[in-house]
Protein backbone atom coordinates (compact mmCIF):
# COMPACT_ATOMS: atom_id res chain seq x y z
CA MET A 1 35.45 -12.11 -0.35
CA THR A 2 35.13 -10.45 -3.76
CA GLU A 3 31.48 -11.14 -4.62
CA PRO A 4 29.32 -8.03 -5.05
CA LEU A 5 26.80 -7.43 -2.26
CA ARG A 6 23.55 -5.50 -2.19
CA LEU A 7 24.39 -1.99 -1.08
CA SER A 8 21.73 -2.06 1.67
CA LYS A 9 23.22 -5.29 3.10
CA ARG A 10 26.73 -3.83 3.01
CA MET A 11 25.54 -0.68 4.82
CA SER A 12 23.96 -2.86 7.52
CA GLU A 13 27.18 -4.90 7.84
CA LEU A 14 29.17 -1.68 8.25
CA GLY A 15 26.85 -0.66 11.10
CA LEU A 16 25.66 2.46 9.30
CA CYS A 17 21.96 1.63 9.58
CA SER A 18 19.40 -1.12 9.13
CA ARG A 19 18.64 -2.48 5.67
CA ARG A 20 15.26 -0.75 5.66
CA GLU A 21 16.90 2.58 6.50
CA ALA A 22 19.53 1.94 3.83
CA ASP A 23 16.85 1.53 1.16
CA GLU A 24 15.21 4.81 2.28
CA TRP A 25 18.51 6.67 2.15
CA ILE A 26 19.46 5.22 -1.25
CA ALA A 27 16.09 6.28 -2.69
CA ARG A 28 16.64 9.81 -1.34
CA GLY A 29 20.10 10.08 -2.89
CA TRP A 30 21.86 10.19 0.48
CA VAL A 31 24.35 7.37 -0.20
CA ARG A 32 27.64 7.56 -2.07
CA VAL A 33 29.87 4.74 -3.27
CA ASP A 34 33.45 5.85 -3.93
CA GLY A 35 32.17 9.42 -3.86
CA LYS A 36 29.35 8.96 -6.41
CA VAL A 37 25.67 9.13 -5.45
CA VAL A 38 23.89 5.78 -5.88
CA SER A 39 20.10 6.15 -5.87
CA GLU A 40 18.94 2.90 -7.48
CA LEU A 41 17.50 0.30 -5.10
CA GLY A 42 19.10 -3.11 -5.43
CA SER A 43 22.48 -1.66 -6.46
CA LYS A 44 25.49 -3.83 -5.62
CA VAL A 45 28.96 -2.97 -4.36
CA LEU A 46 32.26 -4.75 -3.86
CA PRO A 47 33.63 -5.08 -0.31
CA HIS A 48 36.59 -2.79 -0.97
CA GLN A 49 34.42 0.08 -2.21
CA ARG A 50 33.96 3.05 0.14
CA VAL A 51 30.38 3.69 1.27
CA THR A 52 29.50 7.07 2.81
CA VAL A 53 26.24 8.78 3.74
CA GLU A 54 25.19 12.41 3.52
CA ARG A 55 24.79 14.52 6.65
CA GLN A 56 20.99 14.53 6.27
CA ALA A 57 20.95 10.79 6.94
CA ALA A 58 22.98 11.11 10.14
CA ALA A 59 20.80 14.02 11.27
CA GLU A 60 17.61 12.05 10.70
CA GLN A 61 19.04 9.01 12.46
CA SER A 62 19.98 11.09 15.51
CA LYS A 63 16.31 12.02 15.95
CA ARG A 64 15.26 8.37 16.21
CA VAL A 65 14.37 7.33 19.72
CA THR A 66 14.76 4.16 21.75
CA ILE A 67 12.32 3.68 24.61
CA LEU A 68 12.39 1.40 27.67
CA VAL A 69 9.00 0.16 28.89
CA ASN A 70 8.24 -1.80 32.05
CA LYS A 71 5.62 -4.00 30.40
CA PRO A 72 2.75 -5.17 32.63
CA LEU A 73 0.86 -8.45 32.26
CA GLY A 74 -1.72 -8.61 29.48
CA PHE A 75 0.11 -6.54 26.86
CA VAL A 76 1.70 -8.09 23.76
CA SER A 77 5.13 -6.97 22.55
CA GLY A 78 4.30 -6.33 18.91
CA GLN A 79 1.14 -6.27 16.82
CA ALA A 80 -2.24 -6.33 18.61
CA GLU A 81 -3.63 -9.86 18.75
CA ASP A 82 -6.73 -11.62 20.11
CA GLY A 83 -8.05 -8.38 21.58
CA TYR A 84 -4.85 -7.67 23.51
CA GLN A 85 -3.17 -4.29 23.17
CA PRO A 86 0.46 -3.84 22.08
CA ALA A 87 2.88 -2.34 24.60
CA VAL A 88 3.40 0.69 22.36
CA VAL A 89 0.01 2.07 23.51
CA LEU A 90 1.68 2.76 26.87
CA VAL A 91 4.04 5.27 25.22
CA LYS A 92 2.15 8.52 25.82
CA PRO A 93 3.08 11.66 27.76
CA GLU A 94 1.12 10.81 30.90
CA ASN A 95 2.92 7.45 31.25
CA ARG A 96 6.45 8.86 30.98
CA TRP A 97 8.41 8.14 34.17
CA SER A 98 8.67 11.34 36.21
CA GLU A 99 12.35 10.60 36.95
CA ASP A 100 13.37 10.27 33.29
CA GLN A 101 16.47 12.47 32.89
CA ALA A 102 16.55 12.46 29.05
CA PRO A 103 16.22 15.90 27.41
CA GLN A 104 13.81 14.72 24.67
CA GLN A 105 10.28 16.05 24.56
CA PHE A 106 7.63 13.53 23.55
CA HIS A 107 6.23 14.01 20.05
CA PRO A 108 3.76 11.72 18.21
CA THR A 109 6.26 11.31 15.34
CA GLN A 110 8.33 9.20 17.76
CA LEU A 111 5.64 6.52 17.52
CA ARG A 112 6.25 6.06 13.78
CA SER A 113 8.13 2.83 13.06
CA LEU A 114 8.59 2.29 16.81
CA VAL A 115 9.03 -1.48 16.98
CA PRO A 116 9.97 -3.98 19.70
CA ALA A 117 13.59 -5.14 19.66
CA GLY A 118 12.80 -8.61 21.00
CA ARG A 119 9.73 -10.30 22.41
CA LEU A 120 8.30 -10.44 25.91
CA ASP A 121 5.33 -12.78 26.23
CA ILE A 122 1.86 -11.54 27.17
CA ASP A 123 2.13 -13.31 30.55
CA SER A 124 5.64 -11.96 31.28
CA VAL A 125 6.54 -8.55 32.69
CA GLY A 126 9.54 -6.26 32.79
CA LEU A 127 11.99 -4.60 30.42
CA LEU A 128 10.87 -4.21 26.81
CA ILE A 129 12.82 -2.14 24.28
CA LEU A 130 10.94 -0.22 21.57
CA THR A 131 13.09 1.53 18.97
CA GLN A 132 13.01 3.53 15.75
CA ASP A 133 16.74 2.88 15.28
CA GLY A 134 17.62 -0.06 13.06
CA ARG A 135 21.10 -0.24 14.58
CA VAL A 136 19.64 -0.93 18.02
CA ALA A 137 17.29 -3.60 16.66
CA LYS A 138 20.18 -5.31 14.86
CA GLN A 139 22.31 -5.22 18.00
CA LEU A 140 19.59 -6.79 20.15
CA ILE A 141 17.91 -9.28 17.82
CA GLY A 142 20.31 -9.72 14.90
CA GLU A 143 21.44 -13.25 14.04
CA ASP A 144 24.87 -12.78 15.63
CA THR A 145 23.79 -10.89 18.75
CA ALA A 146 25.70 -11.68 21.94
CA VAL A 147 23.76 -9.28 24.19
CA GLU A 148 22.72 -10.96 27.44
CA LYS A 149 19.16 -10.82 28.73
CA GLU A 150 18.47 -11.46 32.41
CA TYR A 151 15.20 -12.73 33.91
CA LEU A 152 13.89 -13.44 37.40
CA VAL A 153 11.66 -16.51 37.29
CA ARG A 154 9.40 -17.73 40.08
CA VAL A 155 8.94 -21.49 39.80
CA LYS A 156 7.32 -24.51 41.44
CA TYR A 157 8.78 -28.03 41.20
CA THR A 158 6.01 -30.36 40.05
CA LYS A 159 7.64 -33.73 40.81
CA GLY A 160 7.77 -33.48 44.61
CA GLY A 161 10.79 -33.26 46.87
CA LYS A 162 13.86 -31.13 46.21
CA PHE A 163 14.77 -29.95 42.73
CA PRO A 164 17.84 -32.02 41.71
CA ASP A 165 21.18 -30.30 41.05
CA SER A 166 21.53 -32.43 37.92
CA GLU A 167 18.43 -30.75 36.46
CA LEU A 168 19.85 -27.32 37.31
CA GLN A 169 22.93 -28.31 35.29
CA ARG A 170 20.68 -29.27 32.36
CA LEU A 171 19.06 -25.82 32.49
CA ARG A 172 22.54 -24.32 32.24
CA HIS A 173 23.55 -26.47 29.29
CA GLY A 174 22.16 -29.64 27.78
CA LEU A 175 18.59 -28.86 26.69
CA THR A 176 17.34 -28.74 23.11
CA LEU A 177 14.32 -26.87 21.72
CA ASP A 178 12.82 -27.52 18.30
CA GLY A 179 15.55 -30.06 17.60
CA LYS A 180 18.38 -27.58 18.21
CA ALA A 181 20.76 -27.44 21.18
CA LEU A 182 20.42 -24.29 23.28
CA LEU A 183 23.39 -22.04 23.96
CA PRO A 184 24.83 -22.25 27.49
CA ALA A 185 22.82 -20.19 29.99
CA LYS A 186 23.64 -18.85 33.45
CA VAL A 187 20.99 -20.18 35.84
CA GLN A 188 21.09 -19.93 39.63
CA TRP A 189 18.76 -19.85 42.61
CA GLN A 190 17.98 -16.40 44.06
CA ASN A 191 15.89 -17.86 46.88
CA GLU A 192 13.91 -21.05 47.48
CA ASP A 193 11.36 -20.45 44.71
CA GLN A 194 13.07 -18.00 42.34
CA LEU A 195 15.74 -18.57 39.69
CA SER A 196 17.71 -16.04 37.68
CA PHE A 197 18.31 -16.85 34.01
CA VAL A 198 20.86 -15.07 31.81
CA LEU A 199 20.40 -15.95 28.13
CA ARG A 200 22.11 -14.93 24.89
CA GLU A 201 19.24 -16.08 22.66
CA GLY A 202 15.49 -15.63 22.64
CA LYS A 203 13.45 -18.49 21.25
CA LYS A 204 9.68 -18.29 21.62
CA ARG A 205 8.67 -18.93 25.25
CA GLN A 206 12.18 -20.27 25.79
CA ILE A 207 12.40 -20.06 29.57
CA ARG A 208 8.95 -21.55 30.11
CA ARG A 209 9.79 -24.45 27.80
CA MET A 210 13.20 -24.97 29.44
CA CYS A 211 11.57 -25.10 32.87
CA GLU A 212 8.85 -27.48 31.66
CA ALA A 213 11.56 -29.86 30.37
CA VAL A 214 12.95 -30.28 33.91
CA GLY A 215 9.65 -30.42 35.81
CA LEU A 216 9.39 -26.76 36.85
CA LYS A 217 6.19 -24.74 36.44
CA VAL A 218 6.73 -21.02 35.87
CA ILE A 219 4.57 -18.92 38.21
CA GLY A 220 5.97 -15.53 37.18
CA LEU A 221 8.63 -14.18 34.81
CA LYS A 222 10.23 -10.73 34.79
CA ARG A 223 12.98 -9.41 32.51
CA VAL A 224 15.30 -7.15 34.52
CA ARG A 225 18.25 -6.49 32.22
CA ILE A 226 19.23 -6.34 28.53
CA GLY A 227 22.99 -6.01 28.08
CA ARG A 228 24.11 -3.17 30.37
CA ILE A 229 20.64 -1.63 30.58
CA MET A 230 18.78 -2.43 33.81
CA LEU A 231 15.04 -2.16 34.42
CA GLY A 232 16.00 -0.54 37.72
CA ASN A 233 13.28 1.50 39.43
CA LEU A 234 11.19 2.12 36.30
CA PRO A 235 7.61 1.55 37.55
CA GLU A 236 5.29 -0.96 35.89
CA GLY A 237 3.41 0.55 32.96
CA LYS A 238 5.81 3.52 32.72
CA TRP A 239 8.46 4.29 30.10
CA ARG A 240 11.61 6.36 29.64
CA TYR A 241 14.03 7.23 26.84
CA LEU A 242 17.35 5.45 26.41
CA GLY A 243 19.90 8.12 27.36
CA ALA A 244 22.51 9.32 24.86
CA GLU A 245 25.29 7.96 27.11
CA GLU A 246 23.65 4.55 27.65
CA GLN A 247 24.87 1.52 25.70
CA PHE A 248 23.50 -2.00 25.58
């Protein structure tokens, strides 16, 4: 590959930051290409050129927080809509989990650019990640993400009798949504009315639509894991910081 690339895209590819962060850093004169400061937005580089960032950029990035929320029913993941509040309103000192071991002190600046890294529907509960760090967002919702997400799903079979094994196999692999085949999923019974789903993608209302396609009605849905990060004992409506040693 010898075509020039936008510098911000190249920085994102190299895992230095998100494209939005890259544009901020370029504008501030914090980015060097082959040792020379590049401060013009839209600048292009060749793949072999060396891209480095100033220490100020790394210092600013290290202050950016990632927060785990146990989202209750009735909150939306992102922007407020139809009178419903976004989950970010839960991030306030009095809602911080008392067992959070992270050394950070809460400060209102941590709410700036704090965005959800993935959706969780208004009628679903459980683990929601809010982050200021573009690298985390890219890892969790980027086009080539392979991070697993695990859900516990209470269901009711609407067609009478026992749910067929052949339909369980279809949930695992064989369904299409919006004209596109779904990636293989790990689906198994936890007990007589609850399934666990492990997915590597996140289409809108995916699990509910998958269940509907095989005659299952979803009664309740809870996300319990994203990559290596478990919801664990985090109480509903509470939040904690992602620890420095924790990795998705």
